[in-house]
Amino acid sequence: MNNVTTNESKIEKRLLELGIELPEAPKPAAVYIPAQQTGNLVYTSGQDCRKDGKLIYEGKVGSDLTIEQGQEAARQTMINCLAVLKSHLGNLDRVKKVVKLLGFVNSAPGFVEQPYVINGASELLEEVFGEAGKHARSAISSNELPFNTPVEIEMIVEVE
């Protein structure tokens, strides 16, 4: 439907303005696919905060990491979600609306500020997509996450 090439993508130009170059989509760590589309909705599998194949942070927010470090991890996790979407869609300009995020925070006992951590992802989506980046969201505490990542996020987007 959209004949714009990746080089002409408005969304990718916006990412570059923000100093973000999307990596290759991360390969699945187990038996699943990175994205599943049904109709005009695309669901991503959970992503973590890897950059160049290595987690940028490890551990629990509230003991090993500050809220600000958790926000940085959430931002990198969202960059990886966008890389998965680009790989699936071919062009991020096809994203009509970010519908929902589900964010998990590897939380120290007693840590209850998960929404502030996942803001790192939500704020990036608004910076990139504007009004279309505003979404419903859940921010959930987890006592452990795979590979000791501090954050895991999955998303649902509506596409054209």
N, C-alpha and C. Protein backbone atom coordinates (compact mmCIF):
# COMPACT_ATOMS: atom_id res chain seq x y z
N MET A 1 0.82 -1.19 0.00
CA MET A 1 0.00 0.00 0.00
C MET A 1 0.86 1.26 0.00
N ASN A 2 1.89 1.27 0.85
CA ASN A 2 2.75 2.44 0.94
C ASN A 2 3.98 2.21 0.07
N ASN A 3 4.16 3.01 -0.96
CA ASN A 3 5.27 2.82 -1.88
C ASN A 3 6.51 3.62 -1.50
N VAL A 4 6.49 4.26 -0.33
CA VAL A 4 7.65 5.03 0.11
C VAL A 4 8.78 4.07 0.46
N THR A 5 9.96 4.35 -0.02
CA THR A 5 11.08 3.48 0.32
C THR A 5 11.56 3.80 1.73
N THR A 6 12.31 2.86 2.30
CA THR A 6 12.82 3.03 3.66
C THR A 6 13.62 4.32 3.78
N ASN A 7 14.38 4.67 2.74
CA ASN A 7 15.20 5.87 2.80
C ASN A 7 14.36 7.14 2.87
N GLU A 8 13.12 7.09 2.43
CA GLU A 8 12.25 8.25 2.44
C GLU A 8 11.26 8.23 3.61
N SER A 9 11.39 7.25 4.50
CA SER A 9 10.46 7.09 5.60
C SER A 9 10.48 8.30 6.53
N LYS A 10 9.30 8.90 6.74
CA LYS A 10 9.19 10.04 7.66
C LYS A 10 9.56 9.63 9.08
N ILE A 11 9.12 8.44 9.46
CA ILE A 11 9.39 7.98 10.83
C ILE A 11 10.89 7.73 11.02
N GLU A 12 11.53 7.12 10.06
CA GLU A 12 12.97 6.89 10.21
C GLU A 12 13.75 8.21 10.19
N LYS A 13 13.29 9.18 9.42
CA LYS A 13 13.92 10.50 9.46
C LYS A 13 13.78 11.10 10.86
N ARG A 14 12.60 10.95 11.45
CA ARG A 14 12.37 11.45 12.80
C ARG A 14 13.28 10.74 13.80
N LEU A 15 13.43 9.44 13.67
CA LEU A 15 14.34 8.70 14.55
C LEU A 15 15.77 9.23 14.43
N LEU A 16 16.21 9.47 13.20
CA LEU A 16 17.57 10.00 13.00
C LEU A 16 17.72 11.38 13.62
N GLU A 17 16.65 12.21 13.53
CA GLU A 17 16.69 13.53 14.19
C GLU A 17 16.88 13.38 15.70
N LEU A 18 16.36 12.29 16.26
CA LEU A 18 16.50 12.02 17.69
C LEU A 18 17.79 11.28 18.02
N GLY A 19 18.63 11.06 16.99
CA GLY A 19 19.91 10.39 17.21
C GLY A 19 19.79 8.88 17.31
N ILE A 20 18.72 8.32 16.74
CA ILE A 20 18.47 6.88 16.84
C ILE A 20 18.56 6.25 15.46
N GLU A 21 19.44 5.29 15.32
CA GLU A 21 19.50 4.48 14.11
C GLU A 21 19.04 3.09 14.49
N LEU A 22 17.97 2.63 13.84
CA LEU A 22 17.43 1.33 14.21
C LEU A 22 18.41 0.22 13.88
N PRO A 23 18.58 -0.72 14.82
CA PRO A 23 19.43 -1.87 14.54
C PRO A 23 18.67 -2.90 13.70
N GLU A 24 19.34 -3.95 13.30
CA GLU A 24 18.64 -5.10 12.73
C GLU A 24 17.71 -5.62 13.82
N ALA A 25 16.59 -6.18 13.42
CA ALA A 25 15.66 -6.75 14.40
C ALA A 25 16.35 -7.87 15.17
N PRO A 26 16.22 -7.86 16.49
CA PRO A 26 16.83 -8.94 17.29
C PRO A 26 16.24 -10.29 16.90
N LYS A 27 17.07 -11.31 16.90
CA LYS A 27 16.61 -12.67 16.61
C LYS A 27 15.92 -13.23 17.85
N PRO A 28 14.89 -14.05 17.67
CA PRO A 28 14.24 -14.67 18.82
C PRO A 28 15.21 -15.49 19.65
N ALA A 29 15.05 -15.43 20.98
CA ALA A 29 15.91 -16.17 21.89
C ALA A 29 15.39 -17.58 22.15
N ALA A 30 14.17 -17.88 21.71
CA ALA A 30 13.57 -19.18 21.93
C ALA A 30 12.64 -19.48 20.76
N VAL A 31 11.63 -20.31 20.98
CA VAL A 31 10.74 -20.75 19.91
C VAL A 31 9.52 -19.83 19.84
N TYR A 32 9.63 -18.78 19.04
CA TYR A 32 8.54 -17.84 18.78
C TYR A 32 8.94 -16.98 17.59
N ILE A 33 7.98 -16.22 17.08
CA ILE A 33 8.30 -15.29 16.00
C ILE A 33 8.30 -13.87 16.58
N PRO A 34 9.07 -12.96 16.00
CA PRO A 34 9.18 -11.61 16.56
C PRO A 34 7.91 -10.78 16.46
N ALA A 35 7.10 -11.03 15.42
CA ALA A 35 5.88 -10.25 15.22
C ALA A 35 4.83 -11.14 14.58
N GLN A 36 3.58 -10.86 14.97
CA GLN A 36 2.44 -11.60 14.40
C GLN A 36 1.38 -10.58 14.00
N GLN A 37 0.91 -10.69 12.78
CA GLN A 37 -0.11 -9.77 12.30
C GLN A 37 -1.41 -10.50 12.08
N THR A 38 -2.49 -9.87 12.54
CA THR A 38 -3.84 -10.36 12.25
C THR A 38 -4.65 -9.14 11.84
N GLY A 39 -5.16 -9.15 10.62
CA GLY A 39 -5.85 -7.98 10.11
C GLY A 39 -4.91 -6.79 10.07
N ASN A 40 -5.35 -5.69 10.67
CA ASN A 40 -4.51 -4.48 10.66
C ASN A 40 -3.81 -4.26 12.00
N LEU A 41 -3.70 -5.32 12.82
CA LEU A 41 -2.97 -5.22 14.08
C LEU A 41 -1.71 -6.07 14.02
N VAL A 42 -0.60 -5.49 14.52
CA VAL A 42 0.65 -6.23 14.63
C VAL A 42 1.01 -6.30 16.11
N TYR A 43 1.29 -7.51 16.56
CA TYR A 43 1.71 -7.77 17.94
C TYR A 43 3.19 -8.14 17.92
N THR A 44 3.99 -7.47 18.73
CA THR A 44 5.39 -7.87 18.82
C THR A 44 5.57 -8.80 20.00
N SER A 45 6.53 -9.68 19.89
CA SER A 45 6.96 -10.47 21.03
C SER A 45 7.74 -9.55 21.97
N GLY A 46 7.89 -9.98 23.20
CA GLY A 46 8.62 -9.18 24.18
C GLY A 46 10.07 -8.97 23.75
N GLN A 47 10.54 -7.75 23.92
CA GLN A 47 11.92 -7.39 23.60
C GLN A 47 12.61 -6.94 24.89
N ASP A 48 13.94 -6.96 24.86
CA ASP A 48 14.71 -6.49 26.01
C ASP A 48 15.61 -5.34 25.60
N CYS A 49 16.52 -4.96 26.48
CA CYS A 49 17.32 -3.73 26.26
C CYS A 49 18.69 -4.00 25.66
N ARG A 50 18.76 -4.96 24.74
CA ARG A 50 20.06 -5.24 24.09
C ARG A 50 20.41 -4.14 23.09
N LYS A 51 21.70 -3.87 23.06
CA LYS A 51 22.27 -2.99 22.04
C LYS A 51 23.54 -3.68 21.58
N ASP A 52 23.68 -3.87 20.28
CA ASP A 52 24.82 -4.60 19.72
C ASP A 52 24.95 -5.98 20.36
N GLY A 53 23.80 -6.62 20.63
CA GLY A 53 23.80 -7.98 21.14
C GLY A 53 24.01 -8.15 22.64
N LYS A 54 24.19 -7.04 23.36
CA LYS A 54 24.47 -7.11 24.80
C LYS A 54 23.49 -6.22 25.55
N LEU A 55 22.99 -6.72 26.69
CA LEU A 55 22.09 -5.91 27.52
C LEU A 55 22.81 -4.65 27.97
N ILE A 56 22.16 -3.49 27.86
CA ILE A 56 22.80 -2.25 28.32
C ILE A 56 22.78 -2.16 29.84
N TYR A 57 21.84 -2.84 30.49
CA TYR A 57 21.77 -2.95 31.95
C TYR A 57 21.29 -4.35 32.29
N GLU A 58 21.65 -4.79 33.48
CA GLU A 58 21.14 -6.04 34.03
C GLU A 58 20.73 -5.80 35.46
N GLY A 59 19.74 -6.57 35.91
CA GLY A 59 19.36 -6.53 37.31
C GLY A 59 18.01 -5.94 37.59
N LYS A 60 17.79 -5.69 38.87
CA LYS A 60 16.49 -5.23 39.35
C LYS A 60 16.47 -3.71 39.55
N VAL A 61 15.40 -3.10 39.05
CA VAL A 61 15.20 -1.68 39.28
C VAL A 61 14.78 -1.52 40.74
N GLY A 62 15.39 -0.57 41.41
CA GLY A 62 15.09 -0.35 42.82
C GLY A 62 16.17 -0.89 43.73
N SER A 63 17.07 -1.71 43.21
CA SER A 63 18.23 -2.16 44.00
C SER A 63 19.50 -2.05 43.16
N ASP A 64 19.54 -2.75 42.01
CA ASP A 64 20.72 -2.69 41.14
C ASP A 64 20.72 -1.46 40.24
N LEU A 65 19.52 -0.97 39.91
CA LEU A 65 19.39 0.13 38.96
C LEU A 65 18.47 1.21 39.51
N THR A 66 18.73 2.44 39.11
CA THR A 66 17.86 3.57 39.46
C THR A 66 16.66 3.59 38.51
N ILE A 67 15.68 4.39 38.84
CA ILE A 67 14.53 4.59 37.94
C ILE A 67 15.03 5.13 36.60
N GLU A 68 15.98 6.06 36.63
CA GLU A 68 16.50 6.67 35.39
C GLU A 68 17.19 5.61 34.52
N GLN A 69 17.94 4.72 35.12
CA GLN A 69 18.56 3.64 34.35
C GLN A 69 17.50 2.71 33.79
N GLY A 70 16.45 2.46 34.57
CA GLY A 70 15.33 1.66 34.08
C GLY A 70 14.65 2.32 32.90
N GLN A 71 14.53 3.64 32.95
CA GLN A 71 13.93 4.38 31.82
C GLN A 71 14.80 4.26 30.58
N GLU A 72 16.12 4.32 30.74
CA GLU A 72 17.03 4.14 29.60
C GLU A 72 16.88 2.74 29.02
N ALA A 73 16.75 1.74 29.91
CA ALA A 73 16.55 0.36 29.45
C ALA A 73 15.23 0.25 28.69
N ALA A 74 14.17 0.90 29.20
CA ALA A 74 12.87 0.87 28.52
C ALA A 74 12.96 1.54 27.16
N ARG A 75 13.70 2.64 27.06
CA ARG A 75 13.87 3.33 25.79
C ARG A 75 14.57 2.42 24.77
N GLN A 76 15.66 1.77 25.21
CA GLN A 76 16.38 0.86 24.31
C GLN A 76 15.50 -0.33 23.92
N THR A 77 14.70 -0.80 24.86
CA THR A 77 13.79 -1.90 24.57
C THR A 77 12.79 -1.48 23.49
N MET A 78 12.29 -0.25 23.58
CA MET A 78 11.35 0.24 22.57
C MET A 78 12.03 0.39 21.21
N ILE A 79 13.28 0.81 21.19
CA ILE A 79 14.03 0.88 19.93
C ILE A 79 14.06 -0.51 19.29
N ASN A 80 14.26 -1.55 20.11
CA ASN A 80 14.27 -2.91 19.59
C ASN A 80 12.89 -3.34 19.11
N CYS A 81 11.83 -2.91 19.80
CA CYS A 81 10.47 -3.19 19.32
C CYS A 81 10.24 -2.54 17.96
N LEU A 82 10.71 -1.30 17.80
CA LEU A 82 10.56 -0.61 16.52
C LEU A 82 11.35 -1.31 15.42
N ALA A 83 12.51 -1.86 15.77
CA ALA A 83 13.30 -2.61 14.79
C ALA A 83 12.53 -3.85 14.33
N VAL A 84 11.85 -4.52 15.26
CA VAL A 84 11.03 -5.68 14.90
C VAL A 84 9.90 -5.25 13.97
N LEU A 85 9.24 -4.14 14.31
CA LEU A 85 8.16 -3.64 13.46
C LEU A 85 8.66 -3.29 12.06
N LYS A 86 9.80 -2.63 11.99
CA LYS A 86 10.35 -2.27 10.68
C LYS A 86 10.65 -3.53 9.87
N SER A 87 11.22 -4.53 10.51
CA SER A 87 11.53 -5.77 9.81
C SER A 87 10.25 -6.43 9.30
N HIS A 88 9.19 -6.39 10.09
CA HIS A 88 7.93 -7.01 9.71
C HIS A 88 7.20 -6.20 8.63
N LEU A 89 7.16 -4.89 8.80
CA LEU A 89 6.36 -4.03 7.92
C LEU A 89 7.12 -3.53 6.69
N GLY A 90 8.43 -3.43 6.80
CA GLY A 90 9.23 -2.86 5.72
C GLY A 90 9.39 -1.36 5.84
N ASN A 91 8.40 -0.68 6.42
CA ASN A 91 8.44 0.76 6.54
C ASN A 91 7.58 1.19 7.73
N LEU A 92 8.17 1.91 8.66
CA LEU A 92 7.44 2.33 9.86
C LEU A 92 6.37 3.38 9.58
N ASP A 93 6.38 3.98 8.40
CA ASP A 93 5.30 4.91 8.04
C ASP A 93 3.95 4.19 7.94
N ARG A 94 3.96 2.87 7.87
CA ARG A 94 2.72 2.10 7.84
C ARG A 94 2.02 2.06 9.20
N VAL A 95 2.73 2.44 10.26
CA VAL A 95 2.11 2.44 11.59
C VAL A 95 1.11 3.59 11.65
N LYS A 96 -0.15 3.23 11.84
CA LYS A 96 -1.22 4.22 11.93
C LYS A 96 -1.37 4.70 13.37
N LYS A 97 -1.22 3.79 14.33
CA LYS A 97 -1.45 4.11 15.73
C LYS A 97 -0.78 3.06 16.61
N VAL A 98 -0.10 3.51 17.66
CA VAL A 98 0.36 2.60 18.70
C VAL A 98 -0.84 2.36 19.60
N VAL A 99 -1.26 1.12 19.72
CA VAL A 99 -2.48 0.79 20.46
C VAL A 99 -2.18 0.54 21.93
N LYS A 100 -1.20 -0.34 22.21
CA LYS A 100 -0.96 -0.75 23.60
C LYS A 100 0.46 -1.22 23.81
N LEU A 101 0.99 -0.93 25.00
CA LEU A 101 2.26 -1.49 25.46
C LEU A 101 1.98 -2.33 26.69
N LEU A 102 2.73 -3.41 26.81
CA LEU A 102 2.75 -4.19 28.04
C LEU A 102 4.20 -4.23 28.47
N GLY A 103 4.49 -3.57 29.59
CA GLY A 103 5.86 -3.47 30.08
C GLY A 103 6.04 -4.22 31.39
N PHE A 104 7.08 -5.03 31.45
CA PHE A 104 7.44 -5.76 32.66
C PHE A 104 8.73 -5.16 33.21
N VAL A 105 8.78 -4.93 34.51
CA VAL A 105 9.96 -4.36 35.15
C VAL A 105 10.48 -5.36 36.17
N ASN A 106 11.73 -5.77 36.01
CA ASN A 106 12.42 -6.64 36.96
C ASN A 106 12.62 -5.80 38.23
N SER A 107 11.79 -6.05 39.24
CA SER A 107 11.67 -5.13 40.38
C SER A 107 12.24 -5.71 41.66
N ALA A 108 12.98 -4.88 42.38
CA ALA A 108 13.45 -5.23 43.72
C ALA A 108 12.23 -5.34 44.64
N PRO A 109 12.32 -6.13 45.72
CA PRO A 109 11.21 -6.19 46.67
C PRO A 109 10.85 -4.78 47.16
N GLY A 110 9.57 -4.48 47.15
CA GLY A 110 9.10 -3.18 47.62
C GLY A 110 9.13 -2.08 46.58
N PHE A 111 9.71 -2.33 45.40
CA PHE A 111 9.73 -1.31 44.36
C PHE A 111 8.36 -1.25 43.69
N VAL A 112 7.76 -0.06 43.68
CA VAL A 112 6.39 0.08 43.17
C VAL A 112 6.25 1.19 42.12
N GLU A 113 7.34 1.60 41.51
CA GLU A 113 7.29 2.72 40.56
C GLU A 113 7.50 2.27 39.12
N GLN A 114 6.94 1.11 38.79
CA GLN A 114 7.05 0.56 37.43
C GLN A 114 6.54 1.52 36.37
N PRO A 115 5.44 2.26 36.60
CA PRO A 115 4.97 3.17 35.54
C PRO A 115 6.02 4.20 35.13
N TYR A 116 6.81 4.68 36.09
CA TYR A 116 7.83 5.68 35.76
C TYR A 116 8.94 5.08 34.92
N VAL A 117 9.25 3.81 35.15
CA VAL A 117 10.27 3.12 34.35
C VAL A 117 9.79 2.99 32.90
N ILE A 118 8.58 2.51 32.71
CA ILE A 118 8.06 2.27 31.35
C ILE A 118 7.82 3.58 30.61
N ASN A 119 7.76 4.70 31.34
CA ASN A 119 7.69 6.00 30.67
C ASN A 119 8.83 6.19 29.68
N GLY A 120 9.97 5.57 29.93
CA GLY A 120 11.09 5.67 28.99
C GLY A 120 10.72 5.20 27.60
N ALA A 121 9.86 4.19 27.51
CA ALA A 121 9.38 3.69 26.22
C ALA A 121 8.25 4.56 25.69
N SER A 122 7.30 4.90 26.57
CA SER A 122 6.13 5.69 26.14
C SER A 122 6.53 7.06 25.62
N GLU A 123 7.46 7.71 26.29
CA GLU A 123 7.90 9.04 25.86
C GLU A 123 8.56 8.98 24.49
N LEU A 124 9.34 7.91 24.24
CA LEU A 124 9.98 7.77 22.94
C LEU A 124 8.92 7.63 21.84
N LEU A 125 7.89 6.84 22.09
CA LEU A 125 6.84 6.66 21.08
C LEU A 125 6.14 7.97 20.76
N GLU A 126 5.90 8.80 21.77
CA GLU A 126 5.28 10.10 21.51
C GLU A 126 6.22 11.02 20.75
N GLU A 127 7.54 10.96 21.06
CA GLU A 127 8.51 11.77 20.33
C GLU A 127 8.56 11.38 18.86
N VAL A 128 8.43 10.09 18.59
CA VAL A 128 8.57 9.58 17.23
C VAL A 128 7.27 9.71 16.43
N PHE A 129 6.15 9.30 17.02
CA PHE A 129 4.89 9.22 16.28
C PHE A 129 3.91 10.35 16.60
N GLY A 130 4.23 11.22 17.54
CA GLY A 130 3.31 12.29 17.92
C GLY A 130 2.05 11.71 18.54
N GLU A 131 0.89 12.27 18.16
CA GLU A 131 -0.40 11.81 18.71
C GLU A 131 -0.62 10.32 18.46
N ALA A 132 -0.16 9.82 17.32
CA ALA A 132 -0.34 8.40 17.00
C ALA A 132 0.48 7.50 17.91
N GLY A 133 1.43 8.08 18.65
CA GLY A 133 2.25 7.30 19.57
C GLY A 133 1.65 7.17 20.96
N LYS A 134 0.57 7.92 21.24
CA LYS A 134 -0.09 7.81 22.55
C LYS A 134 -0.87 6.51 22.60
N HIS A 135 -0.78 5.79 23.72
CA HIS A 135 -1.27 4.42 23.76
C HIS A 135 -1.80 4.05 25.14
N ALA A 136 -2.58 2.97 25.17
CA ALA A 136 -2.94 2.33 26.43
C ALA A 136 -1.71 1.55 26.90
N ARG A 137 -1.63 1.29 28.22
CA ARG A 137 -0.41 0.67 28.71
C ARG A 137 -0.63 -0.01 30.05
N SER A 138 0.13 -1.06 30.27
CA SER A 138 0.25 -1.67 31.59
C SER A 138 1.73 -1.75 31.92
N ALA A 139 2.05 -1.46 33.18
CA ALA A 139 3.43 -1.55 33.67
C ALA A 139 3.41 -2.49 34.87
N ILE A 140 3.98 -3.66 34.70
CA ILE A 140 3.85 -4.75 35.66
C ILE A 140 5.19 -5.05 36.33
N SER A 141 5.12 -5.34 37.62
CA SER A 141 6.29 -5.78 38.37
C SER A 141 6.55 -7.26 38.10
N SER A 142 7.82 -7.60 37.99
CA SER A 142 8.22 -9.00 37.85
C SER A 142 9.37 -9.24 38.82
N ASN A 143 9.37 -10.41 39.44
CA ASN A 143 10.48 -10.70 40.36
C ASN A 143 11.72 -11.18 39.63
N GLU A 144 11.57 -11.63 38.39
CA GLU A 144 12.69 -12.02 37.53
C GLU A 144 12.26 -11.84 36.09
N LEU A 145 13.21 -11.55 35.22
CA LEU A 145 12.95 -11.52 33.78
C LEU A 145 14.05 -12.30 33.07
N PRO A 146 13.78 -12.80 31.88
CA PRO A 146 14.78 -13.59 31.16
C PRO A 146 16.12 -12.85 31.01
N PHE A 147 17.18 -13.60 31.20
CA PHE A 147 18.56 -13.11 31.01
C PHE A 147 18.93 -11.97 31.96
N ASN A 148 18.11 -11.78 33.00
CA ASN A 148 18.33 -10.72 34.00
C ASN A 148 18.16 -9.32 33.41
N THR A 149 17.38 -9.22 32.32
CA THR A 149 17.09 -7.90 31.77
C THR A 149 16.22 -7.13 32.76
N PRO A 150 16.42 -5.83 32.89
CA PRO A 150 15.59 -5.06 33.81
C PRO A 150 14.19 -4.76 33.27
N VAL A 151 14.01 -4.84 31.95
CA VAL A 151 12.73 -4.47 31.32
C VAL A 151 12.46 -5.39 30.14
N GLU A 152 11.18 -5.77 30.00
CA GLU A 152 10.73 -6.44 28.78
C GLU A 152 9.43 -5.76 28.36
N ILE A 153 9.33 -5.48 27.07
CA ILE A 153 8.14 -4.79 26.55
C ILE A 153 7.65 -5.47 25.28
N GLU A 154 6.33 -5.59 25.19
CA GLU A 154 5.69 -6.00 23.94
C GLU A 154 4.70 -4.91 23.56
N MET A 155 4.36 -4.85 22.29
CA MET A 155 3.45 -3.78 21.85
C MET A 155 2.48 -4.28 20.80
N ILE A 156 1.40 -3.52 20.66
CA ILE A 156 0.40 -3.75 19.62
C ILE A 156 0.26 -2.45 18.86
N VAL A 157 0.34 -2.53 17.53
CA VAL A 157 0.15 -1.35 16.69
C VAL A 157 -0.88 -1.63 15.61
N GLU A 158 -1.59 -0.58 15.23
CA GLU A 158 -2.51 -0.64 14.09
C GLU A 158 -1.74 -0.14 12.88
N VAL A 159 -1.88 -0.85 11.77
CA VAL A 159 -1.14 -0.49 10.55
C VAL A 159 -2.08 -0.25 9.39
N GLU A 160 -1.57 0.50 8.41
CA GLU A 160 -2.32 0.76 7.17
C GLU A 160 -1.95 -0.29 6.15
